[in-house]
């Protein structure tokens, strides 16, 4: 049982990996990030990133040499802990072969960071100890997963640590329940 490494960082530039950018649904889809990354409401509509819960759209953001993969993760109509936890699970499953990710949730409450981190860790969990797979699956990450969350302060750091502890406990219970 291995959950992703969860860490708190000050800015997206402080870590490598795909950007995870939550999108809130509504009449105008809204990016819930500190930076707009060139993703206006019009561009979000053209990319069909409506913010619908459970949807993930992979795009490139930036310009020229500074391009970076981003996943636009639908949050749904409400910005609350439960919708962000679910969005975190969707993000973990949508990453594919990417092993590192950076969440930009803008001015997020501590509870929101904790919810997304918990959902991400739970969504990344797989019970594969007893599974043999002779074929190579290119969508599986080659290394350990890591999620860097943009935030600051002792409360945010404690929330990220709580998310890791909770995810470890839930994943252990899942593993035990599914062990022959």
C-alpha atoms as a PDB file:
ATOM      1  CA  UNK A   1       0.000   0.000   0.000  1.00  0.00           C
ATOM      2  CA  UNK A   2       1.532   3.281  -1.071  1.00  0.00           C
ATOM      3  CA  UNK A   3      -0.238   6.609  -1.093  1.00  0.00           C
ATOM      4  CA  UNK A   4       1.108   9.580  -3.050  1.00  0.00           C
ATOM      5  CA  UNK A   5       3.590  11.875  -1.375  1.00  0.00           C
ATOM      6  CA  UNK A   6       1.702  15.014  -0.349  1.00  0.00           C
ATOM      7  CA  UNK A   7       3.579  18.276   0.172  1.00  0.00           C
ATOM      8  CA  UNK A   8       2.838  21.961   0.536  1.00  0.00           C
ATOM      9  CA  UNK A   9       4.636  24.473  -1.725  1.00  0.00           C
ATOM     10  CA  UNK A  10       4.519  28.259  -2.158  1.00  0.00           C
ATOM     11  CA  UNK A  11       4.093  28.476  -5.966  1.00  0.00           C
ATOM     12  CA  UNK A  12       3.494  26.255  -8.998  1.00  0.00           C
ATOM     13  CA  UNK A  13       7.030  26.964 -10.219  1.00  0.00           C
ATOM     14  CA  UNK A  14       8.410  25.295  -7.070  1.00  0.00           C
ATOM     15  CA  UNK A  15       7.535  21.775  -8.279  1.00  0.00           C
ATOM     16  CA  UNK A  16       7.466  19.773 -11.478  1.00  0.00           C
ATOM     17  CA  UNK A  17       4.505  17.889 -12.813  1.00  0.00           C
ATOM     18  CA  UNK A  18       1.155  18.416 -14.418  1.00  0.00           C
ATOM     19  CA  UNK A  19      -0.896  21.341 -13.177  1.00  0.00           C
ATOM     20  CA  UNK A  20      -4.245  20.398 -11.669  1.00  0.00           C
ATOM     21  CA  UNK A  21      -6.656  23.257 -12.251  1.00  0.00           C
ATOM     22  CA  UNK A  22     -10.170  22.870 -10.807  1.00  0.00           C
ATOM     23  CA  UNK A  23     -12.991  24.372 -12.883  1.00  0.00           C
ATOM     24  CA  UNK A  24     -16.320  25.416 -11.366  1.00  0.00           C
ATOM     25  CA  UNK A  25     -19.398  24.784 -13.510  1.00  0.00           C
ATOM     26  CA  UNK A  26     -22.024  27.422 -14.151  1.00  0.00           C
ATOM     27  CA  UNK A  27     -23.226  29.738 -16.893  1.00  0.00           C
ATOM     28  CA  UNK A  28     -19.581  30.713 -17.313  1.00  0.00           C
ATOM     29  CA  UNK A  29     -17.032  28.032 -16.320  1.00  0.00           C
ATOM     30  CA  UNK A  30     -14.633  29.524 -13.772  1.00  0.00           C
ATOM     31  CA  UNK A  31     -11.051  28.496 -13.099  1.00  0.00           C
ATOM     32  CA  UNK A  32     -10.418  28.172  -9.351  1.00  0.00           C
ATOM     33  CA  UNK A  33      -6.693  28.931  -9.569  1.00  0.00           C
ATOM     34  CA  UNK A  34      -4.543  31.846  -8.454  1.00  0.00           C
ATOM     35  CA  UNK A  35      -3.322  32.359 -12.037  1.00  0.00           C
ATOM     36  CA  UNK A  36      -5.522  32.152 -15.131  1.00  0.00           C
ATOM     37  CA  UNK A  37      -2.774  30.412 -17.198  1.00  0.00           C
ATOM     38  CA  UNK A  38      -4.333  32.015 -20.298  1.00  0.00           C
ATOM     39  CA  UNK A  39      -7.539  30.031 -19.750  1.00  0.00           C
ATOM     40  CA  UNK A  40     -10.315  32.561 -20.155  1.00  0.00           C
ATOM     41  CA  UNK A  41     -13.971  31.561 -19.858  1.00  0.00           C
ATOM     42  CA  UNK A  42     -14.154  31.599 -23.677  1.00  0.00           C
ATOM     43  CA  UNK A  43     -11.150  29.284 -24.009  1.00  0.00           C
ATOM     44  CA  UNK A  44     -12.573  26.957 -21.348  1.00  0.00           C
ATOM     45  CA  UNK A  45     -15.796  26.710 -23.390  1.00  0.00           C
ATOM     46  CA  UNK A  46     -13.861  25.986 -26.611  1.00  0.00           C
ATOM     47  CA  UNK A  47     -11.928  23.246 -24.780  1.00  0.00           C
ATOM     48  CA  UNK A  48     -15.262  21.857 -23.552  1.00  0.00           C
ATOM     49  CA  UNK A  49     -14.024  22.277 -19.973  1.00  0.00           C
ATOM     50  CA  UNK A  50     -17.471  22.990 -18.584  1.00  0.00           C
ATOM     51  CA  UNK A  51     -16.619  22.266 -14.963  1.00  0.00           C
ATOM     52  CA  UNK A  52     -19.014  19.336 -14.883  1.00  0.00           C
ATOM     53  CA  UNK A  53     -18.154  17.080 -11.944  1.00  0.00           C
ATOM     54  CA  UNK A  54     -16.178  13.994 -12.926  1.00  0.00           C
ATOM     55  CA  UNK A  55     -14.691  15.448 -16.130  1.00  0.00           C
ATOM     56  CA  UNK A  56     -11.017  16.011 -16.817  1.00  0.00           C
ATOM     57  CA  UNK A  57      -9.584  17.769 -19.859  1.00  0.00           C
ATOM     58  CA  UNK A  58      -5.854  17.654 -20.648  1.00  0.00           C
ATOM     59  CA  UNK A  59      -4.405  20.831 -22.204  1.00  0.00           C
ATOM     60  CA  UNK A  60      -1.096  22.651 -22.578  1.00  0.00           C
ATOM     61  CA  UNK A  61      -0.754  26.011 -20.864  1.00  0.00           C
ATOM     62  CA  UNK A  62       1.979  28.589 -21.104  1.00  0.00           C
ATOM     63  CA  UNK A  63       3.814  29.867 -24.118  1.00  0.00           C
ATOM     64  CA  UNK A  64       6.674  28.538 -26.206  1.00  0.00           C
ATOM     65  CA  UNK A  65       9.424  27.075 -24.061  1.00  0.00           C
ATOM     66  CA  UNK A  66       7.373  27.389 -20.884  1.00  0.00           C
ATOM     67  CA  UNK A  67       4.529  25.035 -21.855  1.00  0.00           C
ATOM     68  CA  UNK A  68       3.232  22.694 -19.196  1.00  0.00           C
ATOM     69  CA  UNK A  69       0.591  19.987 -19.143  1.00  0.00           C
ATOM     70  CA  UNK A  70      -2.529  20.900 -17.216  1.00  0.00           C
ATOM     71  CA  UNK A  71      -5.589  18.902 -16.265  1.00  0.00           C
ATOM     72  CA  UNK A  72      -8.785  20.923 -16.039  1.00  0.00           C
ATOM     73  CA  UNK A  73     -10.775  19.090 -13.380  1.00  0.00           C
ATOM     74  CA  UNK A  74     -14.533  19.604 -13.167  1.00  0.00           C
ATOM     75  CA  UNK A  75     -15.739  20.428  -9.657  1.00  0.00           C
ATOM     76  CA  UNK A  76     -19.451  20.814 -10.384  1.00  0.00           C
ATOM     77  CA  UNK A  77     -21.747  23.653  -9.351  1.00  0.00           C
ATOM     78  CA  UNK A  78     -20.604  23.953  -5.723  1.00  0.00           C
ATOM     79  CA  UNK A  79     -17.177  24.781  -4.341  1.00  0.00           C
ATOM     80  CA  UNK A  80     -17.207  22.759  -1.145  1.00  0.00           C
ATOM     81  CA  UNK A  81     -15.053  20.113   0.511  1.00  0.00           C
ATOM     82  CA  UNK A  82     -17.044  17.156  -0.843  1.00  0.00           C
ATOM     83  CA  UNK A  83     -16.936  18.304  -4.482  1.00  0.00           C
ATOM     84  CA  UNK A  84     -13.199  19.019  -4.182  1.00  0.00           C
ATOM     85  CA  UNK A  85     -12.557  15.596  -2.612  1.00  0.00           C
ATOM     86  CA  UNK A  86     -14.309  13.972  -5.550  1.00  0.00           C
ATOM     87  CA  UNK A  87     -12.390  16.186  -7.989  1.00  0.00           C
ATOM     88  CA  UNK A  88      -9.140  15.053  -6.353  1.00  0.00           C
ATOM     89  CA  UNK A  89     -10.039  11.416  -7.060  1.00  0.00           C
ATOM     90  CA  UNK A  90     -10.859  12.233 -10.664  1.00  0.00           C
ATOM     91  CA  UNK A  91      -7.525  14.038 -11.015  1.00  0.00           C
ATOM     92  CA  UNK A  92      -5.535  11.084  -9.663  1.00  0.00           C
ATOM     93  CA  UNK A  93      -7.190   8.666 -12.078  1.00  0.00           C
ATOM     94  CA  UNK A  94      -6.895  11.079 -15.038  1.00  0.00           C
ATOM     95  CA  UNK A  95      -3.158  11.690 -14.639  1.00  0.00           C
ATOM     96  CA  UNK A  96      -2.267   8.561 -16.564  1.00  0.00           C
ATOM     97  CA  UNK A  97       1.498   8.087 -16.822  1.00  0.00           C
ATOM     98  CA  UNK A  98       2.273  11.388 -15.065  1.00  0.00           C
ATOM     99  CA  UNK A  99       3.653  10.742 -11.598  1.00  0.00           C
ATOM    100  CA  UNK A 100       3.813  14.292 -10.237  1.00  0.00           C
ATOM    101  CA  UNK A 101       1.131  16.930 -10.065  1.00  0.00           C
ATOM    102  CA  UNK A 102       0.738  20.452  -8.697  1.00  0.00           C
ATOM    103  CA  UNK A 103      -2.632  21.687  -7.455  1.00  0.00           C
ATOM    104  CA  UNK A 104      -3.420  25.381  -7.915  1.00  0.00           C
ATOM    105  CA  UNK A 105      -6.641  26.016  -6.017  1.00  0.00           C
ATOM    106  CA  UNK A 106      -6.143  29.749  -5.635  1.00  0.00           C
ATOM    107  CA  UNK A 107      -7.185  31.231  -2.302  1.00  0.00           C
ATOM    108  CA  UNK A 108      -8.280  27.908  -0.892  1.00  0.00           C
ATOM    109  CA  UNK A 109      -9.511  27.299   2.605  1.00  0.00           C
ATOM    110  CA  UNK A 110      -7.542  24.780   4.626  1.00  0.00           C
ATOM    111  CA  UNK A 111     -10.500  22.362   4.492  1.00  0.00           C
ATOM    112  CA  UNK A 112     -10.498  22.558   0.687  1.00  0.00           C
ATOM    113  CA  UNK A 113      -6.805  21.677   0.435  1.00  0.00           C
ATOM    114  CA  UNK A 114      -7.310  18.764   2.824  1.00  0.00           C
ATOM    115  CA  UNK A 115     -10.340  17.502   0.900  1.00  0.00           C
ATOM    116  CA  UNK A 116      -8.603  17.604  -2.493  1.00  0.00           C
ATOM    117  CA  UNK A 117      -5.451  15.938  -1.124  1.00  0.00           C
ATOM    118  CA  UNK A 118      -7.522  13.188   0.509  1.00  0.00           C
ATOM    119  CA  UNK A 119      -9.477  12.565  -2.680  1.00  0.00           C
ATOM    120  CA  UNK A 120      -6.298  12.499  -4.747  1.00  0.00           C
ATOM    121  CA  UNK A 121      -4.602   9.997  -2.438  1.00  0.00           C
ATOM    122  CA  UNK A 122      -7.676   7.746  -2.334  1.00  0.00           C
ATOM    123  CA  UNK A 123      -8.170   7.995  -6.106  1.00  0.00           C
ATOM    124  CA  UNK A 124      -4.553   6.981  -6.729  1.00  0.00           C
ATOM    125  CA  UNK A 125      -4.798   3.865  -4.532  1.00  0.00           C
ATOM    126  CA  UNK A 126      -4.799   0.463  -6.211  1.00  0.00           C
ATOM    127  CA  UNK A 127      -4.754  -2.997  -4.744  1.00  0.00           C
ATOM    128  CA  UNK A 128      -2.341  -4.674  -7.115  1.00  0.00           C
ATOM    129  CA  UNK A 129      -0.314  -6.839  -4.765  1.00  0.00           C
ATOM    130  CA  UNK A 130      -2.028 -10.017  -5.985  1.00  0.00           C
ATOM    131  CA  UNK A 131      -2.584  -8.998  -9.592  1.00  0.00           C
ATOM    132  CA  UNK A 132      -0.275 -10.215 -12.330  1.00  0.00           C
ATOM    133  CA  UNK A 133      -0.188  -8.307 -15.553  1.00  0.00           C
ATOM    134  CA  UNK A 134       1.982  -9.580 -18.389  1.00  0.00           C
ATOM    135  CA  UNK A 135       1.195  -6.657 -20.680  1.00  0.00           C
ATOM    136  CA  UNK A 136       2.767  -3.264 -20.204  1.00  0.00           C
ATOM    137  CA  UNK A 137       0.209  -0.577 -19.483  1.00  0.00           C
ATOM    138  CA  UNK A 138       1.438   2.827 -20.652  1.00  0.00           C
ATOM    139  CA  UNK A 139      -1.221   4.617 -18.604  1.00  0.00           C
ATOM    140  CA  UNK A 140       0.264   3.461 -15.314  1.00  0.00           C
ATOM    141  CA  UNK A 141       2.812   5.701 -13.628  1.00  0.00           C
ATOM    142  CA  UNK A 142       6.349   4.356 -13.662  1.00  0.00           C
ATOM    143  CA  UNK A 143       7.229   5.765 -10.237  1.00  0.00           C
ATOM    144  CA  UNK A 144       5.599   6.908  -7.053  1.00  0.00           C
ATOM    145  CA  UNK A 145       2.887   9.517  -7.269  1.00  0.00           C
ATOM    146  CA  UNK A 146       3.381  12.937  -5.693  1.00  0.00           C
ATOM    147  CA  UNK A 147       0.987  15.844  -5.222  1.00  0.00           C
ATOM    148  CA  UNK A 148       2.245  19.336  -4.412  1.00  0.00           C
ATOM    149  CA  UNK A 149      -0.414  21.714  -3.116  1.00  0.00           C
ATOM    150  CA  UNK A 150       0.039  25.467  -3.303  1.00  0.00           C
ATOM    151  CA  UNK A 151      -0.565  26.959   0.104  1.00  0.00           C
ATOM    152  CA  UNK A 152       1.136  28.372   3.139  1.00  0.00           C
ATOM    153  CA  UNK A 153       0.966  28.351   6.879  1.00  0.00           C
ATOM    154  CA  UNK A 154       0.950  25.852   9.686  1.00  0.00           C
ATOM    155  CA  UNK A 155      -2.778  25.169   9.321  1.00  0.00           C
ATOM    156  CA  UNK A 156      -2.367  24.243   5.656  1.00  0.00           C
ATOM    157  CA  UNK A 157       0.622  22.012   6.428  1.00  0.00           C
ATOM    158  CA  UNK A 158      -1.360  20.262   9.173  1.00  0.00           C
ATOM    159  CA  UNK A 159      -4.299  19.782   6.795  1.00  0.00           C
ATOM    160  CA  UNK A 160      -2.076  18.159   4.172  1.00  0.00           C
ATOM    161  CA  UNK A 161      -0.591  15.892   6.843  1.00  0.00           C
ATOM    162  CA  UNK A 162      -4.111  14.941   8.057  1.00  0.00           C
ATOM    163  CA  UNK A 163      -5.067  14.090   4.486  1.00  0.00           C
ATOM    164  CA  UNK A 164      -2.090  11.747   4.225  1.00  0.00           C
ATOM    165  CA  UNK A 165      -2.884  10.015   7.517  1.00  0.00           C
ATOM    166  CA  UNK A 166      -6.556   9.591   6.614  1.00  0.00           C
ATOM    167  CA  UNK A 167      -5.708   8.266   3.162  1.00  0.00           C
ATOM    168  CA  UNK A 168      -3.207   5.781   4.610  1.00  0.00           C
ATOM    169  CA  UNK A 169      -5.822   4.493   7.051  1.00  0.00           C
ATOM    170  CA  UNK A 170      -8.523   4.129   4.409  1.00  0.00           C
ATOM    171  CA  UNK A 171      -6.139   2.446   1.949  1.00  0.00           C
ATOM    172  CA  UNK A 172      -4.988   0.015   4.636  1.00  0.00           C
ATOM    173  CA  UNK A 173      -8.602  -0.863   5.401  1.00  0.00           C
ATOM    174  CA  UNK A 174      -9.278  -1.387   1.688  1.00  0.00           C
ATOM    175  CA  UNK A 175      -6.224  -3.604   1.351  1.00  0.00           C
ATOM    176  CA  UNK A 176      -7.177  -5.689   4.380  1.00  0.00           C
ATOM    177  CA  UNK A 177     -10.756  -6.075   3.170  1.00  0.00           C
ATOM    178  CA  UNK A 178      -9.555  -7.262  -0.236  1.00  0.00           C
ATOM    179  CA  UNK A 179      -6.720  -9.507   0.889  1.00  0.00           C
ATOM    180  CA  UNK A 180      -7.449 -13.204   0.294  1.00  0.00           C
END
